[in-house]
Protein backbone atom coordinates (compact mmCIF):
# COMPACT_ATOMS: atom_id res chain seq x y z
CA MET A 1 -0.03 3.51 -14.03
CA ASN A 2 -1.41 6.41 -16.01
CA ASP A 3 0.98 9.33 -16.49
CA ILE A 4 1.80 9.67 -12.80
CA THR A 5 5.41 9.49 -11.70
CA LEU A 6 5.79 7.61 -8.43
CA SER A 7 8.88 7.34 -6.29
CA ARG A 8 10.70 4.02 -6.70
CA ALA A 9 9.54 2.80 -3.27
CA VAL A 10 5.90 3.59 -4.01
CA GLU A 11 6.12 2.15 -7.52
CA ASN A 12 7.55 -1.08 -6.07
CA PHE A 13 4.80 -1.23 -3.44
CA VAL A 14 2.03 -0.75 -6.02
CA ALA A 15 3.55 -3.32 -8.40
CA ALA A 16 3.91 -5.97 -5.67
CA ASN A 17 0.40 -5.26 -4.42
CA ASN A 18 -1.13 -5.54 -7.88
CA ALA A 19 0.77 -8.83 -8.43
CA HIS A 20 -0.79 -10.06 -5.15
CA ASP A 21 2.72 -10.95 -3.93
CA VAL A 22 3.01 -11.11 -0.12
CA ASP A 23 6.79 -11.62 -0.15
CA GLY A 24 7.20 -8.90 -2.76
CA LEU A 25 5.20 -6.48 -0.59
CA MET A 26 7.26 -7.38 2.48
CA ALA A 27 10.42 -6.68 0.46
CA THR A 28 9.22 -3.10 -0.20
CA LEU A 29 9.08 -2.38 3.54
CA ALA A 30 11.91 -1.34 5.84
CA ALA A 31 12.71 -3.73 8.70
CA ASP A 32 11.14 -1.31 11.20
CA ALA A 33 8.15 -0.34 9.03
CA VAL A 34 4.87 0.77 10.61
CA VAL A 35 1.52 0.39 8.83
CA SER A 36 -1.72 2.10 9.92
CA ASP A 37 -5.01 1.04 8.32
CA ASP A 38 -8.62 0.59 9.44
CA GLY A 39 -7.88 2.14 12.84
CA ARG A 40 -5.10 -0.34 13.67
CA THR A 41 -1.34 -0.07 13.63
CA TYR A 42 0.98 -2.92 12.66
CA THR A 43 4.61 -2.78 13.76
CA ASP A 44 6.13 -6.23 13.40
CA ASP A 45 6.68 -8.62 10.50
CA ALA A 46 3.99 -11.07 11.61
CA GLY A 47 1.38 -8.34 12.07
CA ILE A 48 2.23 -6.63 8.79
CA ARG A 49 2.26 -9.94 6.91
CA ALA A 50 -1.18 -10.80 8.38
CA TRP A 51 -2.47 -7.32 7.40
CA ILE A 52 -1.17 -7.79 3.84
CA GLY A 53 -2.88 -11.16 3.62
CA SER A 54 -6.24 -10.04 4.96
CA HIS A 55 -6.44 -6.47 3.61
CA LEU A 56 -4.64 -6.66 0.26
CA ILE A 57 -4.20 -10.24 -0.97
CA ALA A 58 -7.43 -12.00 0.11
CA PRO A 59 -9.71 -9.30 -1.38
CA LYS A 60 -7.47 -9.15 -4.49
CA ILE A 61 -6.93 -5.41 -4.16
CA VAL A 62 -5.69 -3.61 -7.28
CA ILE A 63 -4.37 -0.09 -6.74
CA THR A 64 -4.62 2.41 -9.60
CA PRO A 65 -2.87 5.68 -8.66
CA THR A 66 -4.76 8.83 -9.63
CA SER A 67 -2.37 11.37 -8.08
CA PHE A 68 0.96 11.49 -6.28
CA ASP A 69 2.35 14.52 -4.50
CA GLY A 70 5.36 14.30 -2.22
CA ASN A 71 4.56 11.36 -0.01
CA ARG A 72 0.80 11.12 -0.62
CA MET A 73 -0.76 8.94 -3.28
CA VAL A 74 -4.49 8.88 -3.99
CA ALA A 75 -5.59 5.73 -5.75
CA SER A 76 -8.69 3.93 -6.86
CA SER A 77 -8.68 0.60 -5.07
CA SER A 78 -10.75 -2.22 -6.45
CA GLY A 79 -11.21 -5.77 -5.29
CA ASP A 80 -13.58 -8.15 -3.57
CA PHE A 81 -15.04 -5.74 -0.99
CA PRO A 82 -18.34 -3.86 -0.67
CA GLY A 83 -18.42 -0.60 -2.61
CA SER A 84 -15.46 -1.46 -4.82
CA PRO A 85 -13.83 0.52 -6.33
CA GLN A 86 -13.16 3.20 -3.73
CA PRO A 87 -10.58 5.98 -3.51
CA PHE A 88 -7.99 5.77 -0.76
CA ALA A 89 -5.17 8.08 0.29
CA PHE A 90 -1.85 6.35 0.97
CA LYS A 91 0.66 8.40 2.95
CA PHE A 92 4.18 7.00 2.68
CA ASP A 93 7.23 7.61 4.83
CA ILE A 94 10.10 6.66 2.54
CA GLU A 95 13.64 5.75 3.52
CA GLY A 96 15.85 5.15 0.50
CA ASP A 97 13.93 2.76 -1.75
CA LEU A 98 11.89 1.29 1.10
CA VAL A 99 8.61 2.17 2.78
CA LYS A 100 9.28 2.95 6.44
CA GLY A 101 5.72 4.03 7.23
CA LEU A 102 2.35 3.76 5.54
CA SER A 103 -1.04 5.05 6.56
CA ILE A 104 -4.17 4.42 4.52
CA ASP A 105 -7.38 6.43 4.80
CA PRO A 106 -10.49 6.91 2.67
CA ALA A 107 -9.94 9.74 0.20
């Protein structure tokens, strides 16, 4: 992951994502996690699991962090989608070693 130091929660999220591991990604999230992406918000396990499957796993997204400051990571995201790779900003709300909130926007 370059020479960027990520928090443990973010590092775990990126590693599980890049392994294309749905259960691993779910394990990085707090029980009451909220995810916002593509203009939609996901608040329950079924919704978040479906989002992971359709937005991260199916297109085989690989996240390569380019910067991390506080709770904001900018990363090059590549996969099976038009315009790949593209930069995205991931804003994390961290609680302990878990992601409590995540919003993703174009960078």
